[in-house]
Amino acid sequence: MRDHRPQAALDLLEKGLAGQVRQRAHALSQLNDQVKTLLPPHSAKHCRVANFRDGILVLECGSSSWANRLNFDRQVLLSSLRKSTLPSLMTIEIKVNPELAKREVEEQKAKEFKEKTPPVSPVAAEYLKAIAQSAPEKIRKKLEAIAALADKT
């Protein structure tokens, strides 16, 4: 006979395929963090863990030049990972994924844009100050704090 009692949505998600996918993604994310700590800093920025299955660790990098650099560090990384976290690791494959390089460039542009652009424009700050004059005390303080962000740049 089936059990028709209500179950928590989180329990249903964790037990199903979505839960397995989430757990796998979390495990790969942790492995990615460990690999990046073992690699030289300049190489760690340009690669990520793509997969780990059947004793094979797959690393992705943005270009073939970074793949060559990672090949130089492959044996050191292999022995370090075997000692610390993955004793079943047999080999490391390095693949080139150009999308990874494109994303790095886009993230850099977004970071530069964010640094150049103030969070609140001076005109918006003036409007916020005008609204704050007629707002209750608690809201007035918050609006003035937001308007002060325009003055920090």
N, C-alpha and C. Protein backbone atom coordinates (compact mmCIF):
# COMPACT_ATOMS: atom_id res chain seq x y z
N MET A 1 0.83 -1.17 0.00
CA MET A 1 0.00 0.00 0.00
C MET A 1 0.88 1.25 0.00
N ARG A 2 0.47 2.26 -0.70
CA ARG A 2 1.26 3.49 -0.81
C ARG A 2 1.06 4.38 0.41
N ASP A 3 2.08 5.14 0.68
CA ASP A 3 2.02 6.11 1.76
C ASP A 3 1.66 7.46 1.14
N HIS A 4 0.49 7.98 1.44
CA HIS A 4 0.01 9.22 0.84
C HIS A 4 0.12 10.41 1.78
N ARG A 5 0.91 10.28 2.82
CA ARG A 5 1.08 11.41 3.72
C ARG A 5 1.92 12.49 3.04
N PRO A 6 1.68 13.75 3.38
CA PRO A 6 2.46 14.84 2.77
C PRO A 6 3.94 14.72 3.13
N GLN A 7 4.77 15.12 2.18
CA GLN A 7 6.21 15.11 2.39
C GLN A 7 6.74 16.51 2.10
N ALA A 8 7.83 16.84 2.75
CA ALA A 8 8.45 18.14 2.52
C ALA A 8 9.02 18.19 1.11
N ALA A 9 8.85 19.34 0.46
CA ALA A 9 9.35 19.51 -0.91
C ALA A 9 10.86 19.33 -0.98
N LEU A 10 11.57 19.79 0.04
CA LEU A 10 13.02 19.66 0.04
C LEU A 10 13.43 18.19 0.07
N ASP A 11 12.72 17.37 0.82
CA ASP A 11 13.02 15.93 0.86
C ASP A 11 12.80 15.29 -0.50
N LEU A 12 11.73 15.67 -1.17
CA LEU A 12 11.45 15.13 -2.50
C LEU A 12 12.53 15.51 -3.50
N LEU A 13 12.99 16.76 -3.42
CA LEU A 13 14.03 17.21 -4.35
C LEU A 13 15.35 16.52 -4.07
N GLU A 14 15.69 16.32 -2.82
CA GLU A 14 16.97 15.70 -2.47
C GLU A 14 17.02 14.23 -2.88
N LYS A 15 15.88 13.54 -2.80
CA LYS A 15 15.85 12.11 -3.11
C LYS A 15 15.80 11.86 -4.61
N GLY A 16 15.35 12.81 -5.39
CA GLY A 16 15.17 12.60 -6.82
C GLY A 16 16.41 12.94 -7.62
N LEU A 17 16.22 13.03 -8.91
CA LEU A 17 17.31 13.33 -9.85
C LEU A 17 17.90 14.70 -9.59
N ALA A 18 17.06 15.67 -9.25
CA ALA A 18 17.57 17.02 -8.98
C ALA A 18 18.55 17.01 -7.82
N GLY A 19 18.27 16.22 -6.81
CA GLY A 19 19.16 16.12 -5.66
C GLY A 19 20.49 15.49 -6.03
N GLN A 20 20.44 14.49 -6.88
CA GLN A 20 21.68 13.84 -7.33
C GLN A 20 22.52 14.81 -8.15
N VAL A 21 21.88 15.57 -9.01
CA VAL A 21 22.60 16.55 -9.84
C VAL A 21 23.22 17.62 -8.95
N ARG A 22 22.46 18.09 -7.96
CA ARG A 22 22.98 19.11 -7.05
C ARG A 22 24.17 18.58 -6.25
N GLN A 23 24.08 17.34 -5.78
CA GLN A 23 25.19 16.75 -5.02
C GLN A 23 26.43 16.59 -5.90
N ARG A 24 26.24 16.17 -7.14
CA ARG A 24 27.36 16.01 -8.07
C ARG A 24 28.01 17.35 -8.37
N ALA A 25 27.20 18.38 -8.59
CA ALA A 25 27.72 19.71 -8.87
C ALA A 25 28.49 20.24 -7.66
N HIS A 26 27.97 19.98 -6.47
CA HIS A 26 28.65 20.43 -5.25
C HIS A 26 30.00 19.71 -5.09
N ALA A 27 30.02 18.41 -5.36
CA ALA A 27 31.27 17.65 -5.26
C ALA A 27 32.30 18.15 -6.26
N LEU A 28 31.86 18.43 -7.49
CA LEU A 28 32.79 18.95 -8.51
C LEU A 28 33.28 20.35 -8.14
N SER A 29 32.43 21.14 -7.54
CA SER A 29 32.83 22.48 -7.10
C SER A 29 33.90 22.40 -6.01
N GLN A 30 33.71 21.50 -5.07
CA GLN A 30 34.73 21.32 -4.02
C GLN A 30 36.04 20.81 -4.61
N LEU A 31 35.95 19.88 -5.54
CA LEU A 31 37.15 19.37 -6.21
C LEU A 31 37.83 20.48 -6.99
N ASN A 32 37.07 21.33 -7.63
CA ASN A 32 37.62 22.47 -8.36
C ASN A 32 38.41 23.38 -7.42
N ASP A 33 37.86 23.65 -6.24
CA ASP A 33 38.55 24.49 -5.26
C ASP A 33 39.87 23.85 -4.82
N GLN A 34 39.85 22.53 -4.61
CA GLN A 34 41.07 21.85 -4.19
C GLN A 34 42.14 21.87 -5.28
N VAL A 35 41.70 21.66 -6.53
CA VAL A 35 42.64 21.66 -7.65
C VAL A 35 43.26 23.04 -7.80
N LYS A 36 42.46 24.08 -7.67
CA LYS A 36 42.97 25.45 -7.83
C LYS A 36 43.98 25.81 -6.74
N THR A 37 43.83 25.25 -5.54
CA THR A 37 44.82 25.52 -4.49
C THR A 37 46.13 24.81 -4.77
N LEU A 38 46.09 23.71 -5.50
CA LEU A 38 47.31 22.95 -5.79
C LEU A 38 48.05 23.48 -7.02
N LEU A 39 47.36 24.19 -7.88
CA LEU A 39 47.99 24.73 -9.10
C LEU A 39 48.67 26.06 -8.80
N PRO A 40 49.65 26.44 -9.62
CA PRO A 40 50.20 27.79 -9.50
C PRO A 40 49.10 28.82 -9.74
N PRO A 41 49.16 29.97 -9.06
CA PRO A 41 48.08 30.95 -9.15
C PRO A 41 47.75 31.41 -10.57
N HIS A 42 48.77 31.60 -11.41
CA HIS A 42 48.50 32.06 -12.77
C HIS A 42 47.76 31.00 -13.59
N SER A 43 48.02 29.74 -13.35
CA SER A 43 47.32 28.67 -14.07
C SER A 43 45.93 28.43 -13.50
N ALA A 44 45.77 28.59 -12.21
CA ALA A 44 44.49 28.32 -11.56
C ALA A 44 43.39 29.25 -12.06
N LYS A 45 43.76 30.46 -12.44
CA LYS A 45 42.76 31.42 -12.92
C LYS A 45 42.16 31.01 -14.25
N HIS A 46 42.87 30.22 -15.02
CA HIS A 46 42.47 29.94 -16.40
C HIS A 46 41.98 28.51 -16.61
N CYS A 47 41.68 27.79 -15.54
CA CYS A 47 41.18 26.43 -15.72
C CYS A 47 40.11 26.12 -14.69
N ARG A 48 39.41 25.03 -14.93
CA ARG A 48 38.41 24.55 -13.98
C ARG A 48 38.23 23.05 -14.16
N VAL A 49 37.67 22.42 -13.13
CA VAL A 49 37.37 21.00 -13.20
C VAL A 49 36.08 20.83 -13.98
N ALA A 50 36.12 20.01 -15.02
CA ALA A 50 34.93 19.75 -15.82
C ALA A 50 34.23 18.48 -15.38
N ASN A 51 35.01 17.46 -15.02
CA ASN A 51 34.40 16.18 -14.66
C ASN A 51 35.41 15.30 -13.94
N PHE A 52 34.90 14.34 -13.20
CA PHE A 52 35.72 13.28 -12.61
C PHE A 52 34.90 12.00 -12.67
N ARG A 53 35.39 11.05 -13.47
CA ARG A 53 34.68 9.78 -13.62
C ARG A 53 35.67 8.68 -13.94
N ASP A 54 35.48 7.54 -13.32
CA ASP A 54 36.29 6.34 -13.58
C ASP A 54 37.78 6.62 -13.42
N GLY A 55 38.16 7.41 -12.44
CA GLY A 55 39.56 7.69 -12.17
C GLY A 55 40.19 8.70 -13.10
N ILE A 56 39.40 9.37 -13.92
CA ILE A 56 39.93 10.35 -14.87
C ILE A 56 39.39 11.73 -14.48
N LEU A 57 40.30 12.64 -14.22
CA LEU A 57 39.94 14.03 -13.92
C LEU A 57 40.07 14.84 -15.20
N VAL A 58 39.00 15.53 -15.58
CA VAL A 58 39.01 16.33 -16.80
C VAL A 58 39.06 17.80 -16.38
N LEU A 59 40.11 18.49 -16.84
CA LEU A 59 40.26 19.92 -16.61
C LEU A 59 40.01 20.66 -17.91
N GLU A 60 39.36 21.80 -17.82
CA GLU A 60 39.13 22.66 -18.98
C GLU A 60 39.94 23.93 -18.82
N CYS A 61 40.46 24.42 -19.94
CA CYS A 61 41.14 25.71 -19.92
C CYS A 61 40.70 26.48 -21.17
N GLY A 62 40.96 27.78 -21.16
CA GLY A 62 40.43 28.65 -22.20
C GLY A 62 41.17 28.61 -23.52
N SER A 63 42.42 28.21 -23.52
CA SER A 63 43.18 28.22 -24.77
C SER A 63 44.22 27.10 -24.76
N SER A 64 44.78 26.85 -25.93
CA SER A 64 45.77 25.77 -26.03
C SER A 64 47.07 26.15 -25.32
N SER A 65 47.36 27.44 -25.23
CA SER A 65 48.58 27.83 -24.51
C SER A 65 48.45 27.51 -23.02
N TRP A 66 47.25 27.73 -22.46
CA TRP A 66 47.05 27.36 -21.05
C TRP A 66 47.03 25.85 -20.88
N ALA A 67 46.55 25.14 -21.89
CA ALA A 67 46.58 23.67 -21.83
C ALA A 67 48.02 23.18 -21.77
N ASN A 68 48.90 23.80 -22.54
CA ASN A 68 50.32 23.42 -22.50
C ASN A 68 50.93 23.70 -21.13
N ARG A 69 50.60 24.84 -20.56
CA ARG A 69 51.11 25.15 -19.22
C ARG A 69 50.63 24.14 -18.20
N LEU A 70 49.35 23.77 -18.30
CA LEU A 70 48.82 22.78 -17.37
C LEU A 70 49.48 21.42 -17.56
N ASN A 71 49.86 21.11 -18.79
CA ASN A 71 50.56 19.84 -19.03
C ASN A 71 51.88 19.77 -18.27
N PHE A 72 52.54 20.92 -18.11
CA PHE A 72 53.78 20.94 -17.34
C PHE A 72 53.53 20.63 -15.86
N ASP A 73 52.36 21.04 -15.37
CA ASP A 73 52.02 20.85 -13.95
C ASP A 73 51.24 19.56 -13.71
N ARG A 74 50.98 18.80 -14.74
CA ARG A 74 50.11 17.63 -14.63
C ARG A 74 50.63 16.60 -13.63
N GLN A 75 51.88 16.23 -13.69
CA GLN A 75 52.40 15.17 -12.81
C GLN A 75 52.41 15.60 -11.34
N VAL A 76 52.76 16.86 -11.10
CA VAL A 76 52.76 17.36 -9.73
C VAL A 76 51.34 17.37 -9.19
N LEU A 77 50.40 17.82 -10.00
CA LEU A 77 49.00 17.86 -9.60
C LEU A 77 48.47 16.45 -9.37
N LEU A 78 48.83 15.54 -10.24
CA LEU A 78 48.38 14.15 -10.12
C LEU A 78 48.84 13.53 -8.81
N SER A 79 50.12 13.69 -8.50
CA SER A 79 50.63 13.10 -7.25
C SER A 79 50.04 13.79 -6.02
N SER A 80 49.85 15.10 -6.08
CA SER A 80 49.28 15.82 -4.94
C SER A 80 47.83 15.40 -4.69
N LEU A 81 47.07 15.27 -5.76
CA LEU A 81 45.67 14.86 -5.59
C LEU A 81 45.55 13.42 -5.10
N ARG A 82 46.45 12.56 -5.56
CA ARG A 82 46.43 11.17 -5.08
C ARG A 82 46.73 11.10 -3.59
N LYS A 83 47.64 11.93 -3.14
CA LYS A 83 48.00 11.92 -1.72
C LYS A 83 46.89 12.51 -0.85
N SER A 84 46.27 13.60 -1.32
CA SER A 84 45.35 14.33 -0.44
C SER A 84 43.90 13.87 -0.55
N THR A 85 43.32 13.84 -1.73
CA THR A 85 41.87 13.63 -1.81
C THR A 85 41.40 12.52 -2.74
N LEU A 86 42.14 12.24 -3.79
CA LEU A 86 41.66 11.28 -4.79
C LEU A 86 42.65 10.13 -4.97
N PRO A 87 42.67 9.17 -4.07
CA PRO A 87 43.62 8.06 -4.24
C PRO A 87 43.31 7.20 -5.47
N SER A 88 42.07 7.26 -5.97
CA SER A 88 41.70 6.46 -7.14
C SER A 88 42.01 7.16 -8.47
N LEU A 89 42.60 8.34 -8.41
CA LEU A 89 42.89 9.10 -9.63
C LEU A 89 43.96 8.40 -10.45
N MET A 90 43.63 8.14 -11.73
CA MET A 90 44.58 7.47 -12.61
C MET A 90 45.27 8.45 -13.55
N THR A 91 44.51 9.38 -14.10
CA THR A 91 45.09 10.32 -15.07
C THR A 91 44.31 11.63 -15.07
N ILE A 92 44.92 12.63 -15.68
CA ILE A 92 44.29 13.93 -15.84
C ILE A 92 44.26 14.26 -17.33
N GLU A 93 43.06 14.54 -17.82
CA GLU A 93 42.91 14.99 -19.20
C GLU A 93 42.71 16.50 -19.19
N ILE A 94 43.32 17.15 -20.16
CA ILE A 94 43.18 18.60 -20.27
C ILE A 94 42.53 18.91 -21.61
N LYS A 95 41.40 19.60 -21.54
CA LYS A 95 40.64 19.94 -22.74
C LYS A 95 40.59 21.46 -22.88
N VAL A 96 40.50 21.91 -24.12
CA VAL A 96 40.39 23.34 -24.40
C VAL A 96 38.92 23.68 -24.62
N ASN A 97 38.45 24.69 -23.89
CA ASN A 97 37.08 25.17 -24.02
C ASN A 97 37.14 26.68 -24.24
N PRO A 98 37.02 27.15 -25.48
CA PRO A 98 37.12 28.58 -25.77
C PRO A 98 36.08 29.43 -25.04
N GLU A 99 34.94 28.85 -24.70
CA GLU A 99 33.90 29.59 -23.98
C GLU A 99 34.41 30.05 -22.62
N LEU A 100 35.32 29.29 -22.03
CA LEU A 100 35.89 29.66 -20.74
C LEU A 100 36.70 30.95 -20.86
N ALA A 101 37.46 31.09 -21.95
CA ALA A 101 38.24 32.31 -22.17
C ALA A 101 37.32 33.49 -22.44
N LYS A 102 36.25 33.27 -23.19
CA LYS A 102 35.31 34.35 -23.47
C LYS A 102 34.66 34.85 -22.19
N ARG A 103 34.33 33.90 -21.33
CA ARG A 103 33.69 34.28 -20.06
C ARG A 103 34.64 35.08 -19.19
N GLU A 104 35.93 34.72 -19.19
CA GLU A 104 36.91 35.47 -18.41
C GLU A 104 37.00 36.91 -18.89
N VAL A 105 36.98 37.11 -20.21
CA VAL A 105 37.03 38.46 -20.78
C VAL A 105 35.78 39.24 -20.40
N GLU A 106 34.62 38.60 -20.48
CA GLU A 106 33.36 39.27 -20.13
C GLU A 106 33.33 39.64 -18.65
N GLU A 107 33.84 38.75 -17.80
CA GLU A 107 33.87 39.04 -16.36
C GLU A 107 34.80 40.22 -16.08
N GLN A 108 35.93 40.28 -16.78
CA GLN A 108 36.86 41.39 -16.59
C GLN A 108 36.22 42.70 -17.02
N LYS A 109 35.52 42.70 -18.16
CA LYS A 109 34.84 43.91 -18.63
C LYS A 109 33.76 44.34 -17.63
N ALA A 110 33.01 43.38 -17.11
CA ALA A 110 31.96 43.70 -16.14
C ALA A 110 32.56 44.28 -14.86
N LYS A 111 33.69 43.75 -14.46
CA LYS A 111 34.36 44.25 -13.25
C LYS A 111 34.84 45.68 -13.46
N GLU A 112 35.43 45.96 -14.62
CA GLU A 112 35.89 47.31 -14.93
C GLU A 112 34.72 48.28 -15.00
N PHE A 113 33.61 47.85 -15.59
CA PHE A 113 32.43 48.70 -15.69
C PHE A 113 31.88 49.01 -14.30
N LYS A 114 31.85 48.01 -13.46
CA LYS A 114 31.32 48.18 -12.10
C LYS A 114 32.20 49.14 -11.31
N GLU A 115 33.52 49.08 -11.51
CA GLU A 115 34.42 49.97 -10.80
C GLU A 115 34.27 51.41 -11.28
N LYS A 116 33.98 51.61 -12.57
CA LYS A 116 33.86 52.95 -13.13
C LYS A 116 32.51 53.59 -12.82
N THR A 117 31.47 52.77 -12.75
CA THR A 117 30.12 53.28 -12.60
C THR A 117 29.75 53.40 -11.12
N PRO A 118 29.34 54.59 -10.69
CA PRO A 118 28.91 54.73 -9.30
C PRO A 118 27.60 53.97 -9.08
N PRO A 119 27.38 53.47 -7.87
CA PRO A 119 26.15 52.71 -7.63
C PRO A 119 24.89 53.57 -7.75
N VAL A 120 25.02 54.87 -7.46
CA VAL A 120 23.88 55.80 -7.56
C VAL A 120 24.38 57.05 -8.27
N SER A 121 23.66 57.47 -9.30
CA SER A 121 24.05 58.69 -10.01
C SER A 121 23.73 59.91 -9.16
N PRO A 122 24.42 61.03 -9.41
CA PRO A 122 24.14 62.25 -8.64
C PRO A 122 22.69 62.71 -8.76
N VAL A 123 22.10 62.56 -9.94
CA VAL A 123 20.71 62.97 -10.14
C VAL A 123 19.78 62.09 -9.28
N ALA A 124 20.03 60.78 -9.30
CA ALA A 124 19.22 59.88 -8.48
C ALA A 124 19.39 60.18 -7.00
N ALA A 125 20.61 60.55 -6.60
CA ALA A 125 20.85 60.89 -5.20
C ALA A 125 20.04 62.11 -4.79
N GLU A 126 19.93 63.09 -5.67
CA GLU A 126 19.13 64.28 -5.36
C GLU A 126 17.65 63.92 -5.21
N TYR A 127 17.15 63.06 -6.09
CA TYR A 127 15.77 62.62 -5.98
C TYR A 127 15.53 61.88 -4.66
N LEU A 128 16.47 61.01 -4.30
CA LEU A 128 16.34 60.26 -3.04
C LEU A 128 16.32 61.19 -1.83
N LYS A 129 17.17 62.22 -1.88
CA LYS A 129 17.20 63.18 -0.76
C LYS A 129 15.89 63.95 -0.68
N ALA A 130 15.32 64.30 -1.84
CA ALA A 130 14.04 65.02 -1.85
C ALA A 130 12.91 64.14 -1.30
N ILE A 131 12.91 62.88 -1.67
CA ILE A 131 11.89 61.95 -1.16
C ILE A 131 12.07 61.73 0.33
N ALA A 132 13.32 61.67 0.77
CA ALA A 132 13.62 61.40 2.18
C ALA A 132 13.08 62.50 3.10
N GLN A 133 12.97 63.70 2.61
CA GLN A 133 12.50 64.81 3.45
C GLN A 133 11.08 64.58 3.95
N SER A 134 10.26 63.92 3.14
CA SER A 134 8.87 63.70 3.55
C SER A 134 8.61 62.27 4.03
N ALA A 135 9.64 61.46 4.14
CA ALA A 135 9.47 60.07 4.55
C ALA A 135 9.58 59.93 6.07
N PRO A 136 9.06 58.84 6.62
CA PRO A 136 9.23 58.59 8.06
C PRO A 136 10.71 58.45 8.41
N GLU A 137 11.03 58.61 9.67
CA GLU A 137 12.41 58.65 10.15
C GLU A 137 13.23 57.42 9.71
N LYS A 138 12.69 56.25 9.91
CA LYS A 138 13.42 55.01 9.59
C LYS A 138 13.75 54.93 8.10
N ILE A 139 12.76 55.24 7.27
CA ILE A 139 12.96 55.20 5.81
C ILE A 139 13.86 56.35 5.37
N ARG A 140 13.74 57.50 6.00
CA ARG A 140 14.57 58.66 5.65
C ARG A 140 16.05 58.34 5.81
N LYS A 141 16.41 57.67 6.91
CA LYS A 141 17.82 57.33 7.14
C LYS A 141 18.34 56.38 6.06
N LYS A 142 17.51 55.44 5.67
CA LYS A 142 17.92 54.48 4.64
C LYS A 142 18.09 55.16 3.28
N LEU A 143 17.15 56.04 2.95
CA LEU A 143 17.24 56.76 1.67
C LEU A 143 18.47 57.67 1.63
N GLU A 144 18.76 58.32 2.74
CA GLU A 144 19.94 59.18 2.79
C GLU A 144 21.23 58.38 2.70
N ALA A 145 21.22 57.18 3.27
CA ALA A 145 22.40 56.30 3.17
C ALA A 145 22.63 55.87 1.73
N ILE A 146 21.54 55.57 1.02
CA ILE A 146 21.67 55.19 -0.39
C ILE A 146 22.15 56.38 -1.20
N ALA A 147 21.61 57.58 -0.92
CA ALA A 147 22.03 58.78 -1.65
C ALA A 147 23.48 59.11 -1.38
N ALA A 148 23.99 58.77 -0.22
CA ALA A 148 25.39 59.03 0.11
C ALA A 148 26.35 58.21 -0.74
N LEU A 149 25.86 57.10 -1.33
CA LEU A 149 26.72 56.30 -2.19
C LEU A 149 27.19 57.06 -3.41
N ALA A 150 26.42 58.04 -3.86
CA ALA A 150 26.81 58.84 -5.03
C ALA A 150 27.98 59.74 -4.70
N ASP A 151 28.13 60.12 -3.44
CA ASP A 151 29.21 61.02 -3.05
C ASP A 151 30.55 60.32 -2.88
N LYS A 152 30.55 58.98 -2.79
CA LYS A 152 31.78 58.23 -2.53
C LYS A 152 32.68 58.12 -3.74
N THR A 153 32.18 58.41 -4.93
CA THR A 153 33.01 58.26 -6.13
C THR A 153 33.72 59.50 -6.52
